[in-house]
Amino acid sequence: MKILQQKTEVRINEHPNIYVDRENLFAIQTGNGIYPCVVYMKNGKMGDYSFQSPGNDAFRQLENAIALLMEDSEK
């Protein structure tokens, strides 16, 4: 959580639309189980996902997606 908040500068507890799955309700069967996973929801279902790992910066991708949503909401 600390790394996610540091990388994105988003305070998780301040956003009701951000859910941290501490109970592993979203079980994604991949070989990346040790890495944090960002799940994108669409219409109440999992749309896409990305793992934060040495070869993939999922947190930066999330930060960019949030920035785009913020820009769109200001229009």
PDB file of N, CA and C in Angstrom:
ATOM      1  N   MET A   1       0.819  -1.190   0.000  1.00  0.00           N
ATOM      2  CA  MET A   1       0.000   0.000   0.000  1.00  0.00           C
ATOM      3  C   MET A   1       0.863   1.254   0.000  1.00  0.00           C
ATOM      4  N   LYS A   2       1.903   1.241   0.818  1.00  0.00           N
ATOM      5  CA  LYS A   2       2.751   2.428   0.882  1.00  0.00           C
ATOM      6  C   LYS A   2       3.385   2.715  -0.471  1.00  0.00           C
ATOM      7  N   ILE A   3       3.859   1.662  -1.146  1.00  0.00           N
ATOM      8  CA  ILE A   3       4.510   1.857  -2.438  1.00  0.00           C
ATOM      9  C   ILE A   3       3.512   2.397  -3.448  1.00  0.00           C
ATOM     10  N   LEU A   4       2.314   1.834  -3.465  1.00  0.00           N
ATOM     11  CA  LEU A   4       1.279   2.315  -4.386  1.00  0.00           C
ATOM     12  C   LEU A   4       0.989   3.789  -4.142  1.00  0.00           C
ATOM     13  N   GLN A   5       0.821   4.182  -2.890  1.00  0.00           N
ATOM     14  CA  GLN A   5       0.524   5.571  -2.574  1.00  0.00           C
ATOM     15  C   GLN A   5       1.696   6.483  -2.903  1.00  0.00           C
ATOM     16  N   GLN A   6       2.909   6.012  -2.677  1.00  0.00           N
ATOM     17  CA  GLN A   6       4.076   6.820  -3.000  1.00  0.00           C
ATOM     18  C   GLN A   6       4.220   6.998  -4.510  1.00  0.00           C
ATOM     19  N   LYS A   7       4.032   5.929  -5.259  1.00  0.00           N
ATOM     20  CA  LYS A   7       4.216   5.999  -6.710  1.00  0.00           C
ATOM     21  C   LYS A   7       3.129   6.819  -7.393  1.00  0.00           C
ATOM     22  N   THR A   8       1.901   6.715  -6.919  1.00  0.00           N
ATOM     23  CA  THR A   8       0.792   7.396  -7.591  1.00  0.00           C
ATOM     24  C   THR A   8       0.409   8.714  -6.937  1.00  0.00           C
ATOM     25  N   GLU A   9       0.883   8.951  -5.717  1.00  0.00           N
ATOM     26  CA  GLU A   9       0.510  10.130  -4.927  1.00  0.00           C
ATOM     27  C   GLU A   9      -0.999  10.177  -4.693  1.00  0.00           C
ATOM     28  N   VAL A  10      -1.632   9.013  -4.682  1.00  0.00           N
ATOM     29  CA  VAL A  10      -3.063   8.890  -4.414  1.00  0.00           C
ATOM     30  C   VAL A  10      -3.220   8.267  -3.038  1.00  0.00           C
ATOM     31  N   ARG A  11      -3.967   8.930  -2.172  1.00  0.00           N
ATOM     32  CA  ARG A  11      -4.244   8.403  -0.838  1.00  0.00           C
ATOM     33  C   ARG A  11      -5.438   7.467  -0.942  1.00  0.00           C
ATOM     34  N   ILE A  12      -5.175   6.194  -0.852  1.00  0.00           N
ATOM     35  CA  ILE A  12      -6.178   5.155  -1.088  1.00  0.00           C
ATOM     36  C   ILE A  12      -7.441   5.363  -0.259  1.00  0.00           C
ATOM     37  N   ASN A  13      -7.294   5.678   1.005  1.00  0.00           N
ATOM     38  CA  ASN A  13      -8.446   5.815   1.897  1.00  0.00           C
ATOM     39  C   ASN A  13      -9.335   7.005   1.570  1.00  0.00           C
ATOM     40  N   GLU A  14      -8.862   7.913   0.724  1.00  0.00           N
ATOM     41  CA  GLU A  14      -9.639   9.100   0.373  1.00  0.00           C
ATOM     42  C   GLU A  14     -10.532   8.884  -0.853  1.00  0.00           C
ATOM     43  N   HIS A  15     -10.482   7.691  -1.447  1.00  0.00           N
ATOM     44  CA  HIS A  15     -11.229   7.427  -2.682  1.00  0.00           C
ATOM     45  C   HIS A  15     -12.109   6.196  -2.510  1.00  0.00           C
ATOM     46  N   PRO A  16     -13.430   6.397  -2.462  1.00  0.00           N
ATOM     47  CA  PRO A  16     -14.321   5.256  -2.265  1.00  0.00           C
ATOM     48  C   PRO A  16     -14.369   4.294  -3.452  1.00  0.00           C
ATOM     49  N   ASN A  17     -13.871   4.715  -4.608  1.00  0.00           N
ATOM     50  CA  ASN A  17     -13.890   3.837  -5.777  1.00  0.00           C
ATOM     51  C   ASN A  17     -12.610   3.009  -5.923  1.00  0.00           C
ATOM     52  N   ILE A  18     -11.726   3.077  -4.930  1.00  0.00           N
ATOM     53  CA  ILE A  18     -10.527   2.244  -4.917  1.00  0.00           C
ATOM     54  C   ILE A  18     -10.722   1.177  -3.851  1.00  0.00           C
ATOM     55  N   TYR A  19     -10.590  -0.068  -4.262  1.00  0.00           N
ATOM     56  CA  TYR A  19     -10.807  -1.200  -3.358  1.00  0.00           C
ATOM     57  C   TYR A  19      -9.519  -1.994  -3.230  1.00  0.00           C
ATOM     58  N   VAL A  20      -9.093  -2.225  -2.016  1.00  0.00           N
ATOM     59  CA  VAL A  20      -7.919  -3.043  -1.759  1.00  0.00           C
ATOM     60  C   VAL A  20      -8.419  -4.425  -1.338  1.00  0.00           C
ATOM     61  N   ASP A  21      -8.116  -5.434  -2.121  1.00  0.00           N
ATOM     62  CA  ASP A  21      -8.614  -6.793  -1.904  1.00  0.00           C
ATOM     63  C   ASP A  21      -7.720  -7.538  -0.919  1.00  0.00           C
ATOM     64  N   ARG A  22      -7.956  -7.333   0.344  1.00  0.00           N
ATOM     65  CA  ARG A  22      -7.171  -7.998   1.391  1.00  0.00           C
ATOM     66  C   ARG A  22      -7.607  -9.441   1.616  1.00  0.00           C
ATOM     67  N   GLU A  23      -8.806  -9.804   1.165  1.00  0.00           N
ATOM     68  CA  GLU A  23      -9.337 -11.156   1.363  1.00  0.00           C
ATOM     69  C   GLU A  23      -9.153 -12.043   0.133  1.00  0.00           C
ATOM     70  N   ASN A  24      -8.455 -11.551  -0.885  1.00  0.00           N
ATOM     71  CA  ASN A  24      -8.222 -12.299  -2.128  1.00  0.00           C
ATOM     72  C   ASN A  24      -9.519 -12.736  -2.796  1.00  0.00           C
ATOM     73  N   LEU A  25     -10.473 -11.824  -2.893  1.00  0.00           N
ATOM     74  CA  LEU A  25     -11.724 -12.111  -3.584  1.00  0.00           C
ATOM     75  C   LEU A  25     -11.516 -12.186  -5.094  1.00  0.00           C
ATOM     76  N   PHE A  26     -10.528 -11.438  -5.586  1.00  0.00           N
ATOM     77  CA  PHE A  26     -10.199 -11.463  -7.001  1.00  0.00           C
ATOM     78  C   PHE A  26      -8.986 -12.365  -7.192  1.00  0.00           C
ATOM     79  N   ALA A  27      -9.210 -13.637  -7.336  1.00  0.00           N
ATOM     80  CA  ALA A  27      -8.116 -14.592  -7.530  1.00  0.00           C
ATOM     81  C   ALA A  27      -7.779 -14.657  -9.011  1.00  0.00           C
ATOM     82  N   ILE A  28      -6.627 -14.150  -9.371  1.00  0.00           N
ATOM     83  CA  ILE A  28      -6.188 -14.146 -10.760  1.00  0.00           C
ATOM     84  C   ILE A  28      -5.094 -15.202 -10.884  1.00  0.00           C
ATOM     85  N   GLN A  29      -5.375 -16.224 -11.641  1.00  0.00           N
ATOM     86  CA  GLN A  29      -4.462 -17.360 -11.771  1.00  0.00           C
ATOM     87  C   GLN A  29      -3.360 -17.065 -12.781  1.00  0.00           C
ATOM     88  N   THR A  30      -2.229 -16.595 -12.276  1.00  0.00           N
ATOM     89  CA  THR A  30      -1.065 -16.342 -13.129  1.00  0.00           C
ATOM     90  C   THR A  30       0.176 -16.708 -12.338  1.00  0.00           C
ATOM     91  N   GLY A  31       1.296 -16.620 -12.968  1.00  0.00           N
ATOM     92  CA  GLY A  31       2.565 -16.881 -12.299  1.00  0.00           C
ATOM     93  C   GLY A  31       3.118 -15.658 -11.586  1.00  0.00           C
ATOM     94  N   ASN A  32       2.326 -14.587 -11.489  1.00  0.00           N
ATOM     95  CA  ASN A  32       2.786 -13.337 -10.890  1.00  0.00           C
ATOM     96  C   ASN A  32       2.228 -13.119  -9.495  1.00  0.00           C
ATOM     97  N   GLY A  33       1.902 -14.175  -8.791  1.00  0.00           N
ATOM     98  CA  GLY A  33       1.230 -14.067  -7.503  1.00  0.00           C
ATOM     99  C   GLY A  33       1.959 -13.269  -6.445  1.00  0.00           C
ATOM    100  N   ILE A  34       3.265 -13.115  -6.584  1.00  0.00           N
ATOM    101  CA  ILE A  34       4.003 -12.364  -5.558  1.00  0.00           C
ATOM    102  C   ILE A  34       3.941 -10.859  -5.772  1.00  0.00           C
ATOM    103  N   TYR A  35       3.467 -10.436  -6.946  1.00  0.00           N
ATOM    104  CA  TYR A  35       3.442  -9.015  -7.262  1.00  0.00           C
ATOM    105  C   TYR A  35       2.049  -8.424  -7.052  1.00  0.00           C
ATOM    106  N   PRO A  36       1.986  -7.154  -6.628  1.00  0.00           N
ATOM    107  CA  PRO A  36       0.681  -6.479  -6.517  1.00  0.00           C
ATOM    108  C   PRO A  36       0.018  -6.396  -7.895  1.00  0.00           C
ATOM    109  N   CYS A  37      -1.295  -6.509  -7.895  1.00  0.00           N
ATOM    110  CA  CYS A  37      -2.054  -6.488  -9.147  1.00  0.00           C
ATOM    111  C   CYS A  37      -3.051  -5.331  -9.122  1.00  0.00           C
ATOM    112  N   VAL A  38      -3.111  -4.590 -10.218  1.00  0.00           N
ATOM    113  CA  VAL A  38      -4.092  -3.536 -10.390  1.00  0.00           C
ATOM    114  C   VAL A  38      -5.174  -4.100 -11.299  1.00  0.00           C
ATOM    115  N   VAL A  39      -6.405  -4.107 -10.805  1.00  0.00           N
ATOM    116  CA  VAL A  39      -7.538  -4.632 -11.568  1.00  0.00           C
ATOM    117  C   VAL A  39      -8.418  -3.457 -11.995  1.00  0.00           C
ATOM    118  N   TYR A  40      -8.705  -3.393 -13.269  1.00  0.00           N
ATOM    119  CA  TYR A  40      -9.582  -2.354 -13.805  1.00  0.00           C
ATOM    120  C   TYR A  40     -10.973  -2.955 -13.976  1.00  0.00           C
ATOM    121  N   MET A  41     -11.952  -2.283 -13.399  1.00  0.00           N
ATOM    122  CA  MET A  41     -13.333  -2.758 -13.467  1.00  0.00           C
ATOM    123  C   MET A  41     -14.077  -2.010 -14.574  1.00  0.00           C
ATOM    124  N   LYS A  42     -14.976  -2.729 -15.243  1.00  0.00           N
ATOM    125  CA  LYS A  42     -15.810  -2.130 -16.268  1.00  0.00           C
ATOM    126  C   LYS A  42     -17.207  -2.723 -16.134  1.00  0.00           C
ATOM    127  N   ASN A  43     -18.179  -1.849 -15.891  1.00  0.00           N
ATOM    128  CA  ASN A  43     -19.570  -2.283 -15.709  1.00  0.00           C
ATOM    129  C   ASN A  43     -19.709  -3.324 -14.597  1.00  0.00           C
ATOM    130  N   GLY A  44     -18.959  -3.144 -13.525  1.00  0.00           N
ATOM    131  CA  GLY A  44     -19.068  -4.028 -12.373  1.00  0.00           C
ATOM    132  C   GLY A  44     -18.321  -5.345 -12.497  1.00  0.00           C
ATOM    133  N   LYS A  45     -17.586  -5.532 -13.585  1.00  0.00           N
ATOM    134  CA  LYS A  45     -16.833  -6.773 -13.784  1.00  0.00           C
ATOM    135  C   LYS A  45     -15.384  -6.445 -14.098  1.00  0.00           C
ATOM    136  N   MET A  46     -14.515  -7.437 -13.883  1.00  0.00           N
ATOM    137  CA  MET A  46     -13.110  -7.226 -14.178  1.00  0.00           C
ATOM    138  C   MET A  46     -12.929  -7.025 -15.673  1.00  0.00           C
ATOM    139  N   GLY A  47     -12.353  -5.882 -16.041  1.00  0.00           N
ATOM    140  CA  GLY A  47     -12.114  -5.584 -17.440  1.00  0.00           C
ATOM    141  C   GLY A  47     -10.707  -5.947 -17.869  1.00  0.00           C
ATOM    142  N   ASP A  48      -9.748  -5.574 -17.047  1.00  0.00           N
ATOM    143  CA  ASP A  48      -8.346  -5.817 -17.375  1.00  0.00           C
ATOM    144  C   ASP A  48      -7.559  -5.824 -16.078  1.00  0.00           C
ATOM    145  N   TYR A  49      -6.326  -6.295 -16.138  1.00  0.00           N
ATOM    146  CA  TYR A  49      -5.464  -6.268 -14.964  1.00  0.00           C
ATOM    147  C   TYR A  49      -4.006  -6.149 -15.392  1.00  0.00           C
ATOM    148  N   SER A  50      -3.197  -5.682 -14.461  1.00  0.00           N
ATOM    149  CA  SER A  50      -1.780  -5.497 -14.726  1.00  0.00           C
ATOM    150  C   SER A  50      -1.023  -5.668 -13.418  1.00  0.00           C
ATOM    151  N   PHE A  51       0.123  -6.348 -13.472  1.00  0.00           N
ATOM    152  CA  PHE A  51       0.926  -6.583 -12.278  1.00  0.00           C
ATOM    153  C   PHE A  51       2.054  -5.574 -12.171  1.00  0.00           C
ATOM    154  N   GLN A  52       2.301  -5.121 -10.950  1.00  0.00           N
ATOM    155  CA  GLN A  52       3.469  -4.297 -10.673  1.00  0.00           C
ATOM    156  C   GLN A  52       4.631  -5.255 -10.486  1.00  0.00           C
ATOM    157  N   SER A  53       5.616  -5.163 -11.346  1.00  0.00           N
ATOM    158  CA  SER A  53       6.768  -6.060 -11.265  1.00  0.00           C
ATOM    159  C   SER A  53       7.979  -5.323 -11.819  1.00  0.00           C
ATOM    160  N   PRO A  54       9.158  -5.918 -11.714  1.00  0.00           N
ATOM    161  CA  PRO A  54      10.331  -5.234 -12.260  1.00  0.00           C
ATOM    162  C   PRO A  54      10.206  -4.915 -13.748  1.00  0.00           C
ATOM    163  N   GLY A  55       9.478  -5.732 -14.498  1.00  0.00           N
ATOM    164  CA  GLY A  55       9.341  -5.502 -15.933  1.00  0.00           C
ATOM    165  C   GLY A  55       8.075  -4.781 -16.343  1.00  0.00           C
ATOM    166  N   ASN A  56       7.227  -4.420 -15.376  1.00  0.00           N
ATOM    167  CA  ASN A  56       5.955  -3.776 -15.707  1.00  0.00           C
ATOM    168  C   ASN A  56       5.583  -2.791 -14.604  1.00  0.00           C
ATOM    169  N   ASP A  57       5.358  -1.550 -14.967  1.00  0.00           N
ATOM    170  CA  ASP A  57       5.030  -0.514 -13.988  1.00  0.00           C
ATOM    171  C   ASP A  57       3.522  -0.273 -13.949  1.00  0.00           C
ATOM    172  N   ALA A  58       2.806  -1.203 -13.325  1.00  0.00           N
ATOM    173  CA  ALA A  58       1.341  -1.115 -13.247  1.00  0.00           C
ATOM    174  C   ALA A  58       0.891   0.119 -12.473  1.00  0.00           C
ATOM    175  N   PHE A  59       1.655   0.522 -11.471  1.00  0.00           N
ATOM    176  CA  PHE A  59       1.272   1.698 -10.693  1.00  0.00           C
ATOM    177  C   PHE A  59       1.337   2.955 -11.554  1.00  0.00           C
ATOM    178  N   ARG A  60       2.340   3.057 -12.404  1.00  0.00           N
ATOM    179  CA  ARG A  60       2.451   4.215 -13.301  1.00  0.00           C
ATOM    180  C   ARG A  60       1.303   4.198 -14.312  1.00  0.00           C
ATOM    181  N   GLN A  61       0.963   3.018 -14.802  1.00  0.00           N
ATOM    182  CA  GLN A  61      -0.167   2.901 -15.722  1.00  0.00           C
ATOM    183  C   GLN A  61      -1.455   3.338 -15.037  1.00  0.00           C
ATOM    184  N   LEU A  62      -1.625   2.952 -13.778  1.00  0.00           N
ATOM    185  CA  LEU A  62      -2.798   3.358 -13.007  1.00  0.00           C
ATOM    186  C   LEU A  62      -2.810   4.869 -12.821  1.00  0.00           C
ATOM    187  N   GLU A  63      -1.667   5.424 -12.494  1.00  0.00           N
ATOM    188  CA  GLU A  63      -1.573   6.876 -12.324  1.00  0.00           C
ATOM    189  C   GLU A  63      -1.983   7.600 -13.610  1.00  0.00           C
ATOM    190  N   ASN A  64      -1.537   7.102 -14.760  1.00  0.00           N
ATOM    191  CA  ASN A  64      -1.896   7.712 -16.042  1.00  0.00           C
ATOM    192  C   ASN A  64      -3.395   7.581 -16.315  1.00  0.00           C
ATOM    193  N   ALA A  65      -3.966   6.423 -15.992  1.00  0.00           N
ATOM    194  CA  ALA A  65      -5.406   6.212 -16.199  1.00  0.00           C
ATOM    195  C   ALA A  65      -6.218   7.161 -15.318  1.00  0.00           C
ATOM    196  N   ILE A  66      -5.782   7.361 -14.077  1.00  0.00           N
ATOM    197  CA  ILE A  66      -6.468   8.279 -13.162  1.00  0.00           C
ATOM    198  C   ILE A  66      -6.370   9.711 -13.691  1.00  0.00           C
ATOM    199  N   ALA A  67      -5.202  10.081 -14.181  1.00  0.00           N
ATOM    200  CA  ALA A  67      -5.017  11.435 -14.714  1.00  0.00           C
ATOM    201  C   ALA A  67      -5.954  11.679 -15.899  1.00  0.00           C
ATOM    202  N   LEU A  68      -6.106  10.688 -16.774  1.00  0.00           N
ATOM    203  CA  LEU A  68      -7.010  10.836 -17.909  1.00  0.00           C
ATOM    204  C   LEU A  68      -8.456  10.985 -17.456  1.00  0.00           C
ATOM    205  N   LEU A  69      -8.844  10.200 -16.459  1.00  0.00           N
ATOM    206  CA  LEU A  69     -10.209  10.315 -15.922  1.00  0.00           C
ATOM    207  C   LEU A  69     -10.437  11.691 -15.309  1.00  0.00           C
ATOM    208  N   MET A  70      -9.445  12.200 -14.617  1.00  0.00           N
ATOM    209  CA  MET A  70      -9.554  13.519 -13.999  1.00  0.00           C
ATOM    210  C   MET A  70      -9.697  14.589 -15.075  1.00  0.00           C
ATOM    211  N   GLU A  71      -8.924  14.480 -16.142  1.00  0.00           N
ATOM    212  CA  GLU A  71      -9.014  15.443 -17.255  1.00  0.00           C
ATOM    213  C   GLU A  71     -10.392  15.396 -17.887  1.00  0.00           C
ATOM    214  N   ASP A  72     -10.905  14.191 -18.111  1.00  0.00           N
ATOM    215  CA  ASP A  72     -12.224  14.024 -18.740  1.00  0.00           C
ATOM    216  C   ASP A  72     -13.331  14.605 -17.847  1.00  0.00           C
ATOM    217  N   SER A  73     -13.190  14.438 -16.542  1.00  0.00           N
ATOM    218  CA  SER A  73     -14.236  14.927 -15.641  1.00  0.00           C
ATOM    219  C   SER A  73     -14.233  16.450 -15.535  1.00  0.00           C
ATOM    220  N   GLU A  74     -13.117  17.079 -15.881  1.00  0.00           N
ATOM    221  CA  GLU A  74     -13.022  18.540 -15.833  1.00  0.00           C
ATOM    222  C   GLU A  74     -13.585  19.189 -17.084  1.00  0.00           C
ATOM    223  N   LYS A  75     -13.837  18.403 -18.112  1.00  0.00           N
ATOM    224  CA  LYS A  75     -14.336  18.953 -19.392  1.00  0.00           C
ATOM    225  C   LYS A  75     -15.819  19.169 -19.353  1.00  0.00           C
TER     226      LYS A  75
END
